[in-house]
């Protein structure tokens, strides 16, 4: 019985019919593609791109990769996972991979390696910020730059203070500064400009022209007008240097520099105070000599350093008395003991600080030069 045309012909080694046989149109070199409705032949091999099939011929569902086999594209656009180091080659929808790797996946990366990478990333992003100095070099040194200290003390701008250093007018601890950038400790180092000490700390120095009737205290429990009424808007607590009688007018210093205030009032340093006194004459010619030689008082002898007549109108005299003592009512008691009671008394100078034309009741801040002169007066 003759055989069918479909089954006739010799088979090639790959399982397909010869090119000259009765193969249908569309067959390829690797075997014919079955027509719709035809059952797949056992010898036919699937073409590249075809979905894998089970033994019964039904299409096989692509296997979902396990978590350790998954790979993700993390590169830029246009770069596939197959081109990335350590990446998994992409497969076509049918599930077949590149030639020579059909149906296979890349080997999974060890979990120990993933743990090491994660640990390195955590260390890189969790490093504490380094507290680096703001300037290099020299930022590790203590203290402040000299020109900054001088500028804060009111000697001018930083550029002007640098010019003072260039002119060799600044000295620190007795040595003239010749280079810029020197650092000083404001608590321990002594800074001078033109031989005068500069107050490098936050000290305040004021001069007040105290009116008559004002008590020389910062507070008064009886509610009388006192020195504290003139400095109520100051945040820093001030205290007065010495005292003036309630009826005595004139210059009184206020500061928060305790050592300076102590030395200005200590008899050891002999800081001179100048007074103008209004008295009635006529005055003997030797009144000045008597005051300089000394007047005996109840608490001891008192001597004036200087005496002169400033003005004379009839019997009214205005005299100037300078002395370095600070006992209570000292000028009034000396002139009264000499026979000339005082009608009015004004202090016009405290050491190198003059009252000048400062109005009664006015408060002014001392200049850096005046502060330097005060400090030099008491060896500070």
Protein backbone atom coordinates (compact mmCIF):
# COMPACT_ATOMS: atom_id res chain seq x y z
CA UNK A 1 0.00 0.00 0.00
CA UNK A 2 1.54 3.21 -1.03
CA UNK A 3 2.58 5.53 1.79
CA UNK A 4 1.18 8.99 2.30
CA UNK A 5 2.93 11.98 0.72
CA UNK A 6 3.20 13.66 4.10
CA UNK A 7 5.17 10.81 5.60
CA UNK A 8 7.20 10.11 2.50
CA UNK A 9 10.77 11.10 2.03
CA UNK A 10 13.91 10.67 4.03
CA UNK A 11 14.35 12.46 7.34
CA UNK A 12 17.35 14.65 7.90
CA UNK A 13 19.38 14.27 11.06
CA UNK A 14 17.67 17.22 12.75
CA UNK A 15 14.27 15.58 12.38
CA UNK A 16 12.90 17.67 9.46
CA UNK A 17 12.11 16.53 5.95
CA UNK A 18 14.42 17.08 3.01
CA UNK A 19 14.22 20.34 1.12
CA UNK A 20 12.94 18.42 -1.91
CA UNK A 21 10.23 16.57 0.04
CA UNK A 22 6.64 17.42 0.57
CA UNK A 23 7.15 19.98 3.23
CA UNK A 24 4.65 22.79 3.42
CA UNK A 25 5.50 26.37 2.61
CA UNK A 26 7.22 28.34 5.30
CA UNK A 27 9.43 25.55 6.59
CA UNK A 28 12.82 26.69 7.73
CA UNK A 29 16.17 25.06 7.86
CA UNK A 30 15.70 24.02 11.42
CA UNK A 31 12.34 22.28 10.80
CA UNK A 32 8.88 23.24 9.67
CA UNK A 33 6.49 25.28 11.71
CA UNK A 34 3.25 23.36 12.25
CA UNK A 35 0.16 24.79 10.71
CA UNK A 36 -2.76 25.98 12.80
CA UNK A 37 -4.67 22.97 13.96
CA UNK A 38 -1.89 20.48 13.26
CA UNK A 39 -0.46 18.56 16.19
CA UNK A 40 3.18 19.15 16.88
CA UNK A 41 5.52 16.51 15.64
CA UNK A 42 7.76 14.76 18.09
CA UNK A 43 10.86 15.37 16.11
CA UNK A 44 10.32 19.13 15.59
CA UNK A 45 12.54 21.38 17.75
CA UNK A 46 11.22 24.76 18.92
CA UNK A 47 12.55 27.79 17.12
CA UNK A 48 14.32 30.60 18.89
CA UNK A 49 11.73 32.85 20.45
CA UNK A 50 9.05 30.16 20.69
CA UNK A 51 7.50 29.61 24.09
CA UNK A 52 8.60 26.38 25.78
CA UNK A 53 6.03 23.56 25.75
CA UNK A 54 5.31 20.70 28.05
CA UNK A 55 5.46 17.05 27.04
CA UNK A 56 1.79 17.04 26.02
CA UNK A 57 2.32 19.99 23.70
CA UNK A 58 0.62 22.66 25.81
CA UNK A 59 2.51 25.95 26.28
CA UNK A 60 4.57 26.06 29.47
CA UNK A 61 4.10 29.07 31.77
CA UNK A 62 7.34 30.97 32.38
CA UNK A 63 8.77 30.22 35.80
CA UNK A 64 8.88 33.16 38.22
CA UNK A 65 12.48 33.65 39.41
CA UNK A 66 13.19 33.12 43.08
CA UNK A 67 14.10 36.23 45.18
CA UNK A 68 17.77 35.42 45.18
CA UNK A 69 17.72 35.19 41.37
CA UNK A 70 16.11 38.57 40.73
CA UNK A 71 18.17 41.39 39.27
CA UNK A 72 17.21 44.99 38.72
CA UNK A 73 18.46 47.55 36.23
CA UNK A 74 19.97 50.50 38.11
CA UNK A 75 21.91 52.12 35.31
CA UNK A 76 20.98 54.90 32.93
CA UNK A 77 18.51 54.61 30.12
CA UNK A 78 19.52 52.61 27.11
CA UNK A 79 21.69 50.13 29.04
CA UNK A 80 20.34 46.67 29.51
CA UNK A 81 20.97 44.38 32.42
CA UNK A 82 23.00 42.06 30.23
CA UNK A 83 25.57 44.81 29.66
CA UNK A 84 25.99 45.69 33.33
CA UNK A 85 28.52 44.00 35.53
CA UNK A 86 26.78 41.52 37.78
CA UNK A 87 23.42 42.08 36.03
CA UNK A 88 21.07 39.35 34.85
CA UNK A 89 20.54 39.05 31.08
CA UNK A 90 17.08 40.01 29.98
CA UNK A 91 14.97 37.26 28.46
CA UNK A 92 12.32 37.54 25.83
CA UNK A 93 8.68 37.17 26.77
CA UNK A 94 8.75 33.57 25.71
CA UNK A 95 11.28 32.75 28.39
CA UNK A 96 14.16 31.75 26.12
CA UNK A 97 17.44 33.46 26.87
CA UNK A 98 20.35 34.26 24.57
CA UNK A 99 21.88 31.59 22.46
CA UNK A 100 23.69 29.03 24.52
CA UNK A 101 21.79 30.06 27.69
CA UNK A 102 18.22 29.11 26.85
CA UNK A 103 15.97 28.81 29.85
CA UNK A 104 18.82 29.48 32.29
CA UNK A 105 19.39 32.32 34.80
CA UNK A 106 22.55 33.98 36.05
CA UNK A 107 23.95 32.53 39.24
CA UNK A 108 22.70 34.28 42.39
CA UNK A 109 25.04 36.64 44.26
CA UNK A 110 25.97 35.30 47.70
CA UNK A 111 24.06 36.81 50.58
CA UNK A 112 27.32 37.41 52.42
CA UNK A 113 28.39 39.75 49.63
CA UNK A 114 25.09 41.65 49.82
CA UNK A 115 25.55 42.03 53.56
CA UNK A 116 29.05 43.43 53.10
CA UNK A 117 27.86 45.95 50.50
CA UNK A 118 25.03 47.07 52.75
CA UNK A 119 27.42 47.46 55.66
CA UNK A 120 29.80 49.60 53.58
CA UNK A 121 26.95 51.82 52.45
CA UNK A 122 25.80 52.34 56.01
CA UNK A 123 29.31 53.26 57.15
CA UNK A 124 29.71 55.72 54.30
CA UNK A 125 26.45 57.55 54.97
CA UNK A 126 26.50 57.39 58.76
CA UNK A 127 29.94 58.94 59.34
CA UNK A 128 29.78 61.85 61.82
CA UNK A 129 30.61 65.32 60.52
CA UNK A 130 34.15 66.39 61.13
CA UNK A 131 34.43 69.47 63.32
CA UNK A 132 37.14 71.16 61.32
CA UNK A 133 38.63 74.51 62.30
CA UNK A 134 37.33 77.49 60.34
CA UNK A 135 40.70 78.76 59.24
CA UNK A 136 44.03 77.18 58.48
CA UNK A 137 46.72 77.41 59.64
CA UNK A 138 46.72 78.81 63.15
CA UNK A 139 43.06 78.18 63.91
CA UNK A 140 44.03 75.66 66.53
CA UNK A 141 45.76 78.37 68.53
CA UNK A 142 44.08 79.95 71.51
CA UNK A 143 43.04 83.58 71.81
CA UNK A 144 41.90 86.19 69.31
CA UNK A 145 43.73 88.09 66.65
CA UNK A 146 45.24 91.29 67.93
CA UNK A 147 43.62 93.57 65.35
CA UNK A 148 40.19 92.12 66.20
CA UNK A 149 40.73 92.77 69.92
CA UNK A 150 41.83 96.35 69.23
CA UNK A 151 38.85 96.99 66.97
CA UNK A 152 36.42 95.68 69.59
CA UNK A 153 38.05 97.93 72.18
CA UNK A 154 37.21 100.94 70.02
CA UNK A 155 40.61 101.71 68.51
CA UNK A 156 39.15 101.88 65.02
CA UNK A 157 38.38 99.50 62.19
CA UNK A 158 40.39 96.32 61.74
CA UNK A 159 42.29 97.90 58.88
CA UNK A 160 43.12 100.91 61.05
CA UNK A 161 44.26 98.58 63.84
CA UNK A 162 46.49 96.72 61.36
CA UNK A 163 48.08 100.05 60.48
CA UNK A 164 48.75 100.67 64.18
CA UNK A 165 50.59 97.35 64.29
CA UNK A 166 52.54 98.18 61.13
CA UNK A 167 53.62 101.47 62.71
CA UNK A 168 54.96 99.55 65.76
CA UNK A 169 52.63 101.43 68.11
CA UNK A 170 51.15 98.30 69.73
CA UNK A 171 52.82 96.22 72.41
CA UNK A 172 51.74 93.02 74.13
CA UNK A 173 53.17 92.16 77.54
CA UNK A 174 55.86 94.79 77.14
CA UNK A 175 57.03 93.70 73.67
CA UNK A 176 56.33 95.72 70.52
CA UNK A 177 54.37 93.74 67.93
CA UNK A 178 55.98 93.74 64.47
CA UNK A 179 53.90 91.11 62.64
CA UNK A 180 50.21 90.78 61.82
CA UNK A 181 48.04 87.91 63.05
CA UNK A 182 49.34 87.69 66.61
CA UNK A 183 46.83 86.03 68.94
CA UNK A 184 46.30 87.33 72.46
CA UNK A 185 44.39 86.17 75.52
CA UNK A 186 42.30 89.07 76.77
CA UNK A 187 42.24 87.61 80.29
CA UNK A 188 46.01 87.33 80.72
CA UNK A 189 47.80 89.46 78.13
CA UNK A 190 48.36 93.20 78.54
CA UNK A 191 47.81 95.22 75.38
CA UNK A 192 49.00 98.80 75.03
CA UNK A 193 48.77 101.36 72.25
CA UNK A 194 51.22 104.28 72.39
CA UNK A 195 52.09 103.20 75.92
CA UNK A 196 48.50 103.27 77.17
CA UNK A 197 46.74 100.10 78.28
CA UNK A 198 43.72 99.09 76.21
CA UNK A 199 40.68 97.63 77.97
CA UNK A 200 40.36 94.44 75.94
CA UNK A 201 37.52 92.94 77.99
CA UNK A 202 33.90 94.01 78.24
CA UNK A 203 34.54 96.76 80.77
CA UNK A 204 32.56 99.98 80.91
CA UNK A 205 33.85 103.37 82.05
CA UNK A 206 31.63 106.44 82.47
CA UNK A 207 32.04 109.94 83.77
CA UNK A 208 29.05 111.64 85.43
CA UNK A 209 28.68 115.28 86.36
CA UNK A 210 26.80 114.72 89.61
CA UNK A 211 24.35 117.48 90.49
CA UNK A 212 23.99 118.79 94.03
CA UNK A 213 21.50 116.88 96.17
CA UNK A 214 22.26 113.49 94.58
CA UNK A 215 23.39 110.75 96.97
CA UNK A 216 26.63 108.98 95.97
CA UNK A 217 25.15 105.49 96.04
CA UNK A 218 23.71 103.27 93.33
CA UNK A 219 20.53 102.67 95.38
CA UNK A 220 18.95 104.60 98.20
CA UNK A 221 16.47 102.93 100.60
CA UNK A 222 14.97 106.30 101.49
CA UNK A 223 14.00 106.98 97.91
CA UNK A 224 16.35 109.92 97.40
CA UNK A 225 17.87 110.62 94.02
CA UNK A 226 21.08 108.62 93.62
CA UNK A 227 23.68 107.68 91.02
CA UNK A 228 21.75 104.59 89.98
CA UNK A 229 19.03 106.81 88.54
CA UNK A 230 21.44 107.86 85.75
CA UNK A 231 22.37 104.34 84.65
CA UNK A 232 19.05 102.47 84.88
CA UNK A 233 19.15 101.53 81.19
CA UNK A 234 22.51 99.70 81.51
CA UNK A 235 22.43 95.91 81.50
CA UNK A 236 25.80 95.60 83.23
CA UNK A 237 25.92 96.53 86.89
CA UNK A 238 28.12 99.57 87.53
CA UNK A 239 29.51 100.98 90.75
CA UNK A 240 30.96 104.36 91.61
CA UNK A 241 34.65 105.12 92.17
CA UNK A 242 34.85 106.93 95.50
CA UNK A 243 32.21 109.27 96.83
CA UNK A 244 31.11 112.89 96.73
CA UNK A 245 29.18 114.71 99.42
CA UNK A 246 25.50 115.09 98.75
CA UNK A 247 25.87 118.87 98.32
CA UNK A 248 29.10 118.58 96.31
CA UNK A 249 28.83 118.64 92.52
CA UNK A 250 31.18 117.48 89.87
CA UNK A 251 32.99 114.54 88.35
CA UNK A 252 32.45 110.99 89.61
CA UNK A 253 33.47 107.84 87.74
CA UNK A 254 31.29 104.75 87.21
CA UNK A 255 32.69 101.41 86.05
CA UNK A 256 32.46 97.63 86.36
CA UNK A 257 36.24 97.20 86.53
CA UNK A 258 36.73 96.26 90.15
CA UNK A 259 40.52 96.33 90.27
CA UNK A 260 40.74 99.73 88.61
CA UNK A 261 38.14 101.20 90.98
CA UNK A 262 39.98 99.80 93.99
CA UNK A 263 43.34 101.24 92.96
CA UNK A 264 41.92 104.65 92.05
CA UNK A 265 40.64 105.07 95.62
CA UNK A 266 43.57 103.45 97.46
CA UNK A 267 45.94 105.92 99.23
CA UNK A 268 48.95 103.92 98.05
CA UNK A 269 48.57 105.14 94.47
CA UNK A 270 47.86 108.76 95.43
CA UNK A 271 45.49 109.63 92.57
CA UNK A 272 44.90 113.39 92.67
CA UNK A 273 41.47 115.04 92.72
CA UNK A 274 40.92 118.68 91.85
CA UNK A 275 38.19 120.87 93.37
CA UNK A 276 36.88 124.39 92.86
CA UNK A 277 35.66 125.99 96.11
CA UNK A 278 33.73 129.24 96.53
CA UNK A 279 34.73 131.00 99.76
CA UNK A 280 34.55 134.47 101.27
CA UNK A 281 37.66 136.68 101.73
CA UNK A 282 39.81 138.51 102.18
CA UNK A 283 42.38 135.70 101.98
CA UNK A 284 45.84 135.87 103.55
CA UNK A 285 48.81 135.48 101.24
CA UNK A 286 50.05 132.41 103.02
CA UNK A 287 46.79 130.41 102.80
CA UNK A 288 48.22 128.19 100.10
CA UNK A 289 51.35 127.57 102.15
CA UNK A 290 49.28 126.62 105.17
CA UNK A 291 47.27 124.10 103.17
CA UNK A 292 50.39 122.56 101.63
CA UNK A 293 52.17 122.31 104.99
CA UNK A 294 49.16 120.58 106.46
CA UNK A 295 46.06 121.29 108.50
CA UNK A 296 45.47 119.31 111.65
CA UNK A 297 42.03 117.71 111.73
CA UNK A 298 40.26 115.44 114.19
CA UNK A 299 41.37 112.30 112.33
CA UNK A 300 44.92 113.45 111.55
CA UNK A 301 46.85 115.86 109.38
CA UNK A 302 45.63 116.70 105.87
CA UNK A 303 47.83 118.31 103.21
CA UNK A 304 47.01 119.85 99.84
CA UNK A 305 49.19 119.13 96.80
CA UNK A 306 48.34 122.37 95.03
CA UNK A 307 46.46 125.63 95.72
CA UNK A 308 45.72 128.69 93.59
CA UNK A 309 43.20 131.53 93.36
CA UNK A 310 41.16 131.23 90.16
CA UNK A 311 38.86 134.25 90.46
CA UNK A 312 38.32 137.19 92.85
CA UNK A 313 35.30 139.49 92.81
CA UNK A 314 35.29 141.68 95.87
CA UNK A 315 35.10 139.38 98.85
CA UNK A 316 34.07 136.37 96.73
CA UNK A 317 36.91 134.03 95.89
CA UNK A 318 37.03 130.97 93.70
CA UNK A 319 40.02 128.82 94.63
CA UNK A 320 41.36 125.55 93.27
CA UNK A 321 42.57 122.84 95.63
CA UNK A 322 44.28 119.61 94.55
CA UNK A 323 44.96 116.73 96.93
CA UNK A 324 45.36 112.98 96.77
CA UNK A 325 43.48 112.10 99.94
CA UNK A 326 39.92 110.90 99.92
CA UNK A 327 38.66 111.25 103.45
CA UNK A 328 35.12 112.36 104.08
CA UNK A 329 34.50 116.12 103.62
CA UNK A 330 38.26 116.59 103.39
CA UNK A 331 38.26 119.88 101.40
CA UNK A 332 35.43 121.44 103.37
CA UNK A 333 37.05 120.52 106.68
CA UNK A 334 40.50 121.85 105.69
CA UNK A 335 39.22 125.25 104.50
CA UNK A 336 36.87 125.55 107.44
CA UNK A 337 39.76 124.82 109.83
CA UNK A 338 41.79 127.55 108.10
CA UNK A 339 38.90 130.00 108.72
CA UNK A 340 37.17 129.99 105.33
CA UNK A 341 33.98 127.92 105.19
CA UNK A 342 32.99 126.64 101.74
CA UNK A 343 29.82 127.94 100.12
CA UNK A 344 29.95 125.71 97.05
CA UNK A 345 32.25 122.85 96.03
CA UNK A 346 32.72 121.23 92.62
CA UNK A 347 35.12 118.44 91.69
CA UNK A 348 36.64 119.30 88.33
CA UNK A 349 39.16 116.49 87.87
CA UNK A 350 39.81 112.89 88.83
CA UNK A 351 43.37 111.93 88.02
CA UNK A 352 43.94 112.59 84.30
CA UNK A 353 40.19 112.89 83.58
CA UNK A 354 38.89 116.49 83.50
CA UNK A 355 35.27 117.53 83.90
CA UNK A 356 35.55 120.02 81.06
CA UNK A 357 32.33 121.54 79.77
CA UNK A 358 30.20 118.50 80.61
CA UNK A 359 26.78 119.66 81.75
CA UNK A 360 25.33 118.87 85.15
CA UNK A 361 23.54 115.51 85.19
CA UNK A 362 25.11 114.31 81.93
CA UNK A 363 26.73 110.89 81.59
CA UNK A 364 29.42 110.22 79.01
CA UNK A 365 31.54 107.22 78.15
CA UNK A 366 35.28 107.56 78.59
CA UNK A 367 37.45 107.25 75.52
CA UNK A 368 40.04 104.52 75.16
CA UNK A 369 42.77 107.10 75.65
CA UNK A 370 41.25 108.24 78.93
CA UNK A 371 40.87 104.65 80.12
CA UNK A 372 44.49 104.00 79.23
CA UNK A 373 45.62 107.06 81.18
CA UNK A 374 43.63 105.94 84.22
CA UNK A 375 45.20 102.49 84.08
CA UNK A 376 48.68 103.93 83.75
CA UNK A 377 47.96 106.15 86.76
CA UNK A 378 47.52 103.04 88.94
CA UNK A 379 50.07 100.77 87.21
CA UNK A 380 47.60 98.54 85.38
